[in-house]
Amino acid sequence: MVEGNTFFEEFIVEAKFHDGEEAHSKQAVVLVFEDLKIKSLRMYFDRLDFSGSVAKDVVSKTIVKELLKKSLEGLT
């Protein structure tokens, strides 16, 4: 979307790490232009999207799974 000097975009980043782990992250970017130059850039994403990629042991994976579940409670 573009309005005046502001550009807004939503997209999904999909990554595959060396160990085969995958991450999917919904992100948004807001760019504000002035005199054909970027005046500001703001990027929004949920850091929890990448938490599963750093959790390696069973305890960490369980904690991440519960955090993700709790973060979504009441949103649907």
PDB file of N, CA and C in Angstrom:
ATOM      1  N   MET A   1       0.840  -1.167   0.000  1.00  0.00           N
ATOM      2  CA  MET A   1       0.000   0.000   0.000  1.00  0.00           C
ATOM      3  C   MET A   1       0.885   1.231   0.000  1.00  0.00           C
ATOM      4  N   VAL A   2       0.444   2.228  -0.716  1.00  0.00           N
ATOM      5  CA  VAL A   2       1.150   3.502  -0.742  1.00  0.00           C
ATOM      6  C   VAL A   2       0.141   4.612  -0.494  1.00  0.00           C
ATOM      7  N   GLU A   3       0.488   5.515   0.400  1.00  0.00           N
ATOM      8  CA  GLU A   3      -0.330   6.697   0.629  1.00  0.00           C
ATOM      9  C   GLU A   3       0.614   7.863   0.863  1.00  0.00           C
ATOM     10  N   GLY A   4       0.535   8.839  -0.038  1.00  0.00           N
ATOM     11  CA  GLY A   4       1.429   9.993   0.080  1.00  0.00           C
ATOM     12  C   GLY A   4       2.875   9.552  -0.003  1.00  0.00           C
ATOM     13  N   ASN A   5       3.639   9.828   1.036  1.00  0.00           N
ATOM     14  CA  ASN A   5       5.056   9.464   1.039  1.00  0.00           C
ATOM     15  C   ASN A   5       5.339   8.232   1.901  1.00  0.00           C
ATOM     16  N   THR A   6       4.289   7.433   2.199  1.00  0.00           N
ATOM     17  CA  THR A   6       4.434   6.269   3.062  1.00  0.00           C
ATOM     18  C   THR A   6       4.118   4.989   2.293  1.00  0.00           C
ATOM     19  N   PHE A   7       4.992   4.004   2.423  1.00  0.00           N
ATOM     20  CA  PHE A   7       4.853   2.705   1.768  1.00  0.00           C
ATOM     21  C   PHE A   7       4.743   1.643   2.857  1.00  0.00           C
ATOM     22  N   PHE A   8       3.742   0.748   2.753  1.00  0.00           N
ATOM     23  CA  PHE A   8       3.523  -0.321   3.717  1.00  0.00           C
ATOM     24  C   PHE A   8       3.485  -1.648   2.974  1.00  0.00           C
ATOM     25  N   GLU A   9       4.194  -2.656   3.520  1.00  0.00           N
ATOM     26  CA  GLU A   9       4.232  -3.967   2.876  1.00  0.00           C
ATOM     27  C   GLU A   9       4.212  -5.060   3.941  1.00  0.00           C
ATOM     28  N   GLU A  10       3.438  -6.123   3.681  1.00  0.00           N
ATOM     29  CA  GLU A  10       3.445  -7.315   4.521  1.00  0.00           C
ATOM     30  C   GLU A  10       4.004  -8.466   3.702  1.00  0.00           C
ATOM     31  N   PHE A  11       4.758  -9.355   4.361  1.00  0.00           N
ATOM     32  CA  PHE A  11       5.340 -10.480   3.643  1.00  0.00           C
ATOM     33  C   PHE A  11       5.694 -11.587   4.634  1.00  0.00           C
ATOM     34  N   ILE A  12       6.033 -12.752   4.103  1.00  0.00           N
ATOM     35  CA  ILE A  12       6.441 -13.896   4.921  1.00  0.00           C
ATOM     36  C   ILE A  12       7.882 -14.253   4.567  1.00  0.00           C
ATOM     37  N   VAL A  13       8.698 -14.419   5.594  1.00  0.00           N
ATOM     38  CA  VAL A  13      10.078 -14.859   5.417  1.00  0.00           C
ATOM     39  C   VAL A  13      10.127 -16.335   5.786  1.00  0.00           C
ATOM     40  N   GLU A  14      10.673 -17.141   4.891  1.00  0.00           N
ATOM     41  CA  GLU A  14      10.865 -18.567   5.154  1.00  0.00           C
ATOM     42  C   GLU A  14      12.353 -18.849   5.081  1.00  0.00           C
ATOM     43  N   ALA A  15      12.882 -19.478   6.132  1.00  0.00           N
ATOM     44  CA  ALA A  15      14.318 -19.758   6.185  1.00  0.00           C
ATOM     45  C   ALA A  15      14.545 -21.215   6.552  1.00  0.00           C
ATOM     46  N   LYS A  16      15.616 -21.772   6.018  1.00  0.00           N
ATOM     47  CA  LYS A  16      16.027 -23.126   6.369  1.00  0.00           C
ATOM     48  C   LYS A  16      17.472 -23.037   6.847  1.00  0.00           C
ATOM     49  N   PHE A  17      17.721 -23.527   8.064  1.00  0.00           N
ATOM     50  CA  PHE A  17      19.033 -23.434   8.665  1.00  0.00           C
ATOM     51  C   PHE A  17      19.891 -24.640   8.313  1.00  0.00           C
ATOM     52  N   HIS A  18      21.184 -24.554   8.616  1.00  0.00           N
ATOM     53  CA  HIS A  18      22.131 -25.625   8.285  1.00  0.00           C
ATOM     54  C   HIS A  18      21.729 -26.966   8.883  1.00  0.00           C
ATOM     55  N   ASP A  19      21.112 -26.944  10.047  1.00  0.00           N
ATOM     56  CA  ASP A  19      20.724 -28.196  10.712  1.00  0.00           C
ATOM     57  C   ASP A  19      19.382 -28.738  10.219  1.00  0.00           C
ATOM     58  N   GLY A  20      18.787 -28.088   9.214  1.00  0.00           N
ATOM     59  CA  GLY A  20      17.521 -28.534   8.658  1.00  0.00           C
ATOM     60  C   GLY A  20      16.298 -27.876   9.289  1.00  0.00           C
ATOM     61  N   GLU A  21      16.495 -27.188  10.404  1.00  0.00           N
ATOM     62  CA  GLU A  21      15.395 -26.489  11.083  1.00  0.00           C
ATOM     63  C   GLU A  21      14.845 -25.390  10.169  1.00  0.00           C
ATOM     64  N   GLU A  22      13.537 -25.195  10.193  1.00  0.00           N
ATOM     65  CA  GLU A  22      12.904 -24.164   9.373  1.00  0.00           C
ATOM     66  C   GLU A  22      12.231 -23.119  10.248  1.00  0.00           C
ATOM     67  N   ALA A  23      12.165 -21.903   9.748  1.00  0.00           N
ATOM     68  CA  ALA A  23      11.476 -20.823  10.445  1.00  0.00           C
ATOM     69  C   ALA A  23      10.606 -20.080   9.443  1.00  0.00           C
ATOM     70  N   HIS A  24       9.413 -19.684   9.872  1.00  0.00           N
ATOM     71  CA  HIS A  24       8.481 -18.905   9.059  1.00  0.00           C
ATOM     72  C   HIS A  24       8.089 -17.689   9.887  1.00  0.00           C
ATOM     73  N   SER A  25       8.202 -16.516   9.289  1.00  0.00           N
ATOM     74  CA  SER A  25       7.923 -15.295  10.044  1.00  0.00           C
ATOM     75  C   SER A  25       7.103 -14.326   9.201  1.00  0.00           C
ATOM     76  N   LYS A  26       5.956 -13.923   9.741  1.00  0.00           N
ATOM     77  CA  LYS A  26       5.151 -12.878   9.090  1.00  0.00           C
ATOM     78  C   LYS A  26       5.739 -11.541   9.509  1.00  0.00           C
ATOM     79  N   GLN A  27       6.009 -10.679   8.537  1.00  0.00           N
ATOM     80  CA  GLN A  27       6.647  -9.403   8.826  1.00  0.00           C
ATOM     81  C   GLN A  27       5.962  -8.267   8.073  1.00  0.00           C
ATOM     82  N   ALA A  28       6.203  -7.061   8.551  1.00  0.00           N
ATOM     83  CA  ALA A  28       5.675  -5.861   7.894  1.00  0.00           C
ATOM     84  C   ALA A  28       6.759  -4.792   7.908  1.00  0.00           C
ATOM     85  N   VAL A  29       6.767  -3.979   6.863  1.00  0.00           N
ATOM     86  CA  VAL A  29       7.731  -2.885   6.737  1.00  0.00           C
ATOM     87  C   VAL A  29       6.972  -1.608   6.401  1.00  0.00           C
ATOM     88  N   VAL A  30       7.352  -0.513   7.051  1.00  0.00           N
ATOM     89  CA  VAL A  30       6.810   0.809   6.746  1.00  0.00           C
ATOM     90  C   VAL A  30       7.983   1.703   6.364  1.00  0.00           C
ATOM     91  N   LEU A  31       7.937   2.239   5.154  1.00  0.00           N
ATOM     92  CA  LEU A  31       8.961   3.163   4.668  1.00  0.00           C
ATOM     93  C   LEU A  31       8.343   4.540   4.499  1.00  0.00           C
ATOM     94  N   VAL A  32       9.030   5.558   4.964  1.00  0.00           N
ATOM     95  CA  VAL A  32       8.593   6.936   4.763  1.00  0.00           C
ATOM     96  C   VAL A  32       9.664   7.627   3.929  1.00  0.00           C
ATOM     97  N   PHE A  33       9.239   8.248   2.831  1.00  0.00           N
ATOM     98  CA  PHE A  33      10.159   8.906   1.903  1.00  0.00           C
ATOM     99  C   PHE A  33      10.077  10.425   2.024  1.00  0.00           C
ATOM    100  N   GLU A  34      11.198  11.073   1.748  1.00  0.00           N
ATOM    101  CA  GLU A  34      11.254  12.533   1.673  1.00  0.00           C
ATOM    102  C   GLU A  34      12.319  12.892   0.640  1.00  0.00           C
ATOM    103  N   ASP A  35      11.957  13.675  -0.354  1.00  0.00           N
ATOM    104  CA  ASP A  35      12.874  14.057  -1.435  1.00  0.00           C
ATOM    105  C   ASP A  35      13.494  12.834  -2.113  1.00  0.00           C
ATOM    106  N   LEU A  36      12.655  11.827  -2.393  1.00  0.00           N
ATOM    107  CA  LEU A  36      13.060  10.588  -3.061  1.00  0.00           C
ATOM    108  C   LEU A  36      14.104   9.786  -2.282  1.00  0.00           C
ATOM    109  N   LYS A  37      14.234  10.035  -0.990  1.00  0.00           N
ATOM    110  CA  LYS A  37      15.146   9.281  -0.127  1.00  0.00           C
ATOM    111  C   LYS A  37      14.354   8.703   1.031  1.00  0.00           C
ATOM    112  N   ILE A  38      14.823   7.575   1.546  1.00  0.00           N
ATOM    113  CA  ILE A  38      14.158   6.960   2.694  1.00  0.00           C
ATOM    114  C   ILE A  38      14.451   7.787   3.939  1.00  0.00           C
ATOM    115  N   LYS A  39      13.392   8.303   4.534  1.00  0.00           N
ATOM    116  CA  LYS A  39      13.526   9.088   5.765  1.00  0.00           C
ATOM    117  C   LYS A  39      13.501   8.167   6.984  1.00  0.00           C
ATOM    118  N   SER A  40      12.619   7.149   6.949  1.00  0.00           N
ATOM    119  CA  SER A  40      12.587   6.180   8.037  1.00  0.00           C
ATOM    120  C   SER A  40      12.126   4.825   7.520  1.00  0.00           C
ATOM    121  N   LEU A  41      12.598   3.780   8.174  1.00  0.00           N
ATOM    122  CA  LEU A  41      12.226   2.405   7.861  1.00  0.00           C
ATOM    123  C   LEU A  41      11.922   1.717   9.184  1.00  0.00           C
ATOM    124  N   ARG A  42      10.732   1.149   9.285  1.00  0.00           N
ATOM    125  CA  ARG A  42      10.351   0.410  10.489  1.00  0.00           C
ATOM    126  C   ARG A  42       9.937  -0.998  10.071  1.00  0.00           C
ATOM    127  N   MET A  43      10.504  -1.997  10.747  1.00  0.00           N
ATOM    128  CA  MET A  43      10.190  -3.387  10.452  1.00  0.00           C
ATOM    129  C   MET A  43       9.556  -4.007  11.685  1.00  0.00           C
ATOM    130  N   TYR A  44       8.473  -4.741  11.465  1.00  0.00           N
ATOM    131  CA  TYR A  44       7.745  -5.370  12.563  1.00  0.00           C
ATOM    132  C   TYR A  44       7.678  -6.877  12.338  1.00  0.00           C
ATOM    133  N   PHE A  45       8.029  -7.639  13.376  1.00  0.00           N
ATOM    134  CA  PHE A  45       7.895  -9.085  13.335  1.00  0.00           C
ATOM    135  C   PHE A  45       7.871  -9.620  14.759  1.00  0.00           C
ATOM    136  N   ASP A  46       7.390 -10.837  14.901  1.00  0.00           N
ATOM    137  CA  ASP A  46       7.300 -11.479  16.206  1.00  0.00           C
ATOM    138  C   ASP A  46       8.573 -12.294  16.425  1.00  0.00           C
ATOM    139  N   ARG A  47       9.357 -11.931  17.422  1.00  0.00           N
ATOM    140  CA  ARG A  47      10.614 -12.636  17.696  1.00  0.00           C
ATOM    141  C   ARG A  47      10.382 -14.093  18.054  1.00  0.00           C
ATOM    142  N   LEU A  48       9.193 -14.417  18.533  1.00  0.00           N
ATOM    143  CA  LEU A  48       8.893 -15.812  18.850  1.00  0.00           C
ATOM    144  C   LEU A  48       8.892 -16.701  17.604  1.00  0.00           C
ATOM    145  N   ASP A  49       8.733 -16.112  16.427  1.00  0.00           N
ATOM    146  CA  ASP A  49       8.775 -16.892  15.190  1.00  0.00           C
ATOM    147  C   ASP A  49      10.096 -17.635  15.041  1.00  0.00           C
ATOM    148  N   PHE A  50      11.169 -17.110  15.624  1.00  0.00           N
ATOM    149  CA  PHE A  50      12.495 -17.697  15.470  1.00  0.00           C
ATOM    150  C   PHE A  50      12.931 -18.502  16.688  1.00  0.00           C
ATOM    151  N   SER A  51      12.120 -18.523  17.721  1.00  0.00           N
ATOM    152  CA  SER A  51      12.514 -19.176  18.968  1.00  0.00           C
ATOM    153  C   SER A  51      12.707 -20.680  18.806  1.00  0.00           C
ATOM    154  N   GLY A  52      11.901 -21.307  17.971  1.00  0.00           N
ATOM    155  CA  GLY A  52      12.047 -22.745  17.759  1.00  0.00           C
ATOM    156  C   GLY A  52      13.362 -23.119  17.115  1.00  0.00           C
ATOM    157  N   SER A  53      13.965 -22.189  16.420  1.00  0.00           N
ATOM    158  CA  SER A  53      15.229 -22.446  15.738  1.00  0.00           C
ATOM    159  C   SER A  53      16.414 -22.502  16.697  1.00  0.00           C
ATOM    160  N   VAL A  54      16.278 -21.853  17.844  1.00  0.00           N
ATOM    161  CA  VAL A  54      17.388 -21.842  18.799  1.00  0.00           C
ATOM    162  C   VAL A  54      17.182 -22.844  19.943  1.00  0.00           C
ATOM    163  N   ALA A  55      15.974 -23.350  20.076  1.00  0.00           N
ATOM    164  CA  ALA A  55      15.694 -24.349  21.116  1.00  0.00           C
ATOM    165  C   ALA A  55      16.150 -25.711  20.603  1.00  0.00           C
ATOM    166  N   LYS A  56      17.139 -26.291  21.260  1.00  0.00           N
ATOM    167  CA  LYS A  56      17.698 -27.560  20.779  1.00  0.00           C
ATOM    168  C   LYS A  56      17.329 -28.756  21.657  1.00  0.00           C
ATOM    169  N   ASP A  57      17.268 -28.564  22.970  1.00  0.00           N
ATOM    170  CA  ASP A  57      16.979 -29.696  23.852  1.00  0.00           C
ATOM    171  C   ASP A  57      15.474 -29.772  24.133  1.00  0.00           C
ATOM    172  N   VAL A  58      15.064 -30.876  24.717  1.00  0.00           N
ATOM    173  CA  VAL A  58      13.643 -31.142  24.956  1.00  0.00           C
ATOM    174  C   VAL A  58      13.023 -30.085  25.866  1.00  0.00           C
ATOM    175  N   VAL A  59      13.731 -29.682  26.915  1.00  0.00           N
ATOM    176  CA  VAL A  59      13.189 -28.697  27.854  1.00  0.00           C
ATOM    177  C   VAL A  59      12.967 -27.356  27.141  1.00  0.00           C
ATOM    178  N   SER A  60      13.942 -26.897  26.394  1.00  0.00           N
ATOM    179  CA  SER A  60      13.821 -25.624  25.662  1.00  0.00           C
ATOM    180  C   SER A  60      12.685 -25.675  24.654  1.00  0.00           C
ATOM    181  N   LYS A  61      12.599 -26.775  23.916  1.00  0.00           N
ATOM    182  CA  LYS A  61      11.529 -26.914  22.915  1.00  0.00           C
ATOM    183  C   LYS A  61      10.157 -26.880  23.579  1.00  0.00           C
ATOM    184  N   THR A  62      10.026 -27.514  24.739  1.00  0.00           N
ATOM    185  CA  THR A  62       8.761 -27.524  25.467  1.00  0.00           C
ATOM    186  C   THR A  62       8.394 -26.122  25.937  1.00  0.00           C
ATOM    187  N   ILE A  63       9.375 -25.400  26.460  1.00  0.00           N
ATOM    188  CA  ILE A  63       9.133 -24.031  26.921  1.00  0.00           C
ATOM    189  C   ILE A  63       8.702 -23.145  25.762  1.00  0.00           C
ATOM    190  N   VAL A  64       9.381 -23.245  24.625  1.00  0.00           N
ATOM    191  CA  VAL A  64       9.038 -22.445  23.444  1.00  0.00           C
ATOM    192  C   VAL A  64       7.630 -22.776  22.969  1.00  0.00           C
ATOM    193  N   LYS A  65       7.301 -24.054  22.936  1.00  0.00           N
ATOM    194  CA  LYS A  65       5.964 -24.474  22.502  1.00  0.00           C
ATOM    195  C   LYS A  65       4.887 -23.866  23.400  1.00  0.00           C
ATOM    196  N   GLU A  66       5.110 -23.887  24.713  1.00  0.00           N
ATOM    197  CA  GLU A  66       4.142 -23.314  25.651  1.00  0.00           C
ATOM    198  C   GLU A  66       4.054 -21.789  25.509  1.00  0.00           C
ATOM    199  N   LEU A  67       5.194 -21.124  25.310  1.00  0.00           N
ATOM    200  CA  LEU A  67       5.189 -19.665  25.105  1.00  0.00           C
ATOM    201  C   LEU A  67       4.395 -19.289  23.857  1.00  0.00           C
ATOM    202  N   LEU A  68       4.600 -20.032  22.786  1.00  0.00           N
ATOM    203  CA  LEU A  68       3.861 -19.764  21.547  1.00  0.00           C
ATOM    204  C   LEU A  68       2.358 -19.969  21.763  1.00  0.00           C
ATOM    205  N   LYS A  69       1.999 -21.040  22.450  1.00  0.00           N
ATOM    206  CA  LYS A  69       0.586 -21.324  22.716  1.00  0.00           C
ATOM    207  C   LYS A  69      -0.025 -20.208  23.568  1.00  0.00           C
ATOM    208  N   LYS A  70       0.668 -19.790  24.628  1.00  0.00           N
ATOM    209  CA  LYS A  70       0.170 -18.725  25.512  1.00  0.00           C
ATOM    210  C   LYS A  70       0.045 -17.397  24.774  1.00  0.00           C
ATOM    211  N   SER A  71       0.987 -17.110  23.874  1.00  0.00           N
ATOM    212  CA  SER A  71       0.965 -15.818  23.170  1.00  0.00           C
ATOM    213  C   SER A  71      -0.225 -15.690  22.234  1.00  0.00           C
ATOM    214  N   LEU A  72      -0.825 -16.815  21.860  1.00  0.00           N
ATOM    215  CA  LEU A  72      -1.966 -16.795  20.926  1.00  0.00           C
ATOM    216  C   LEU A  72      -3.304 -16.913  21.629  1.00  0.00           C
ATOM    217  N   GLU A  73      -3.316 -17.179  22.924  1.00  0.00           N
ATOM    218  CA  GLU A  73      -4.572 -17.343  23.654  1.00  0.00           C
ATOM    219  C   GLU A  73      -5.436 -16.092  23.552  1.00  0.00           C
ATOM    220  N   GLY A  74      -6.709 -16.295  23.231  1.00  0.00           N
ATOM    221  CA  GLY A  74      -7.659 -15.205  23.161  1.00  0.00           C
ATOM    222  C   GLY A  74      -7.624 -14.407  21.861  1.00  0.00           C
ATOM    223  N   LEU A  75      -6.765 -14.775  20.928  1.00  0.00           N
ATOM    224  CA  LEU A  75      -6.678 -14.014  19.679  1.00  0.00           C
ATOM    225  C   LEU A  75      -7.590 -14.555  18.588  1.00  0.00           C
ATOM    226  N   THR A  76      -8.029 -15.789  18.724  1.00  0.00           N
ATOM    227  CA  THR A  76      -8.875 -16.355  17.657  1.00  0.00           C
ATOM    228  C   THR A  76     -10.296 -16.469  18.082  1.00  0.00           C
TER     229      THR A  76
END
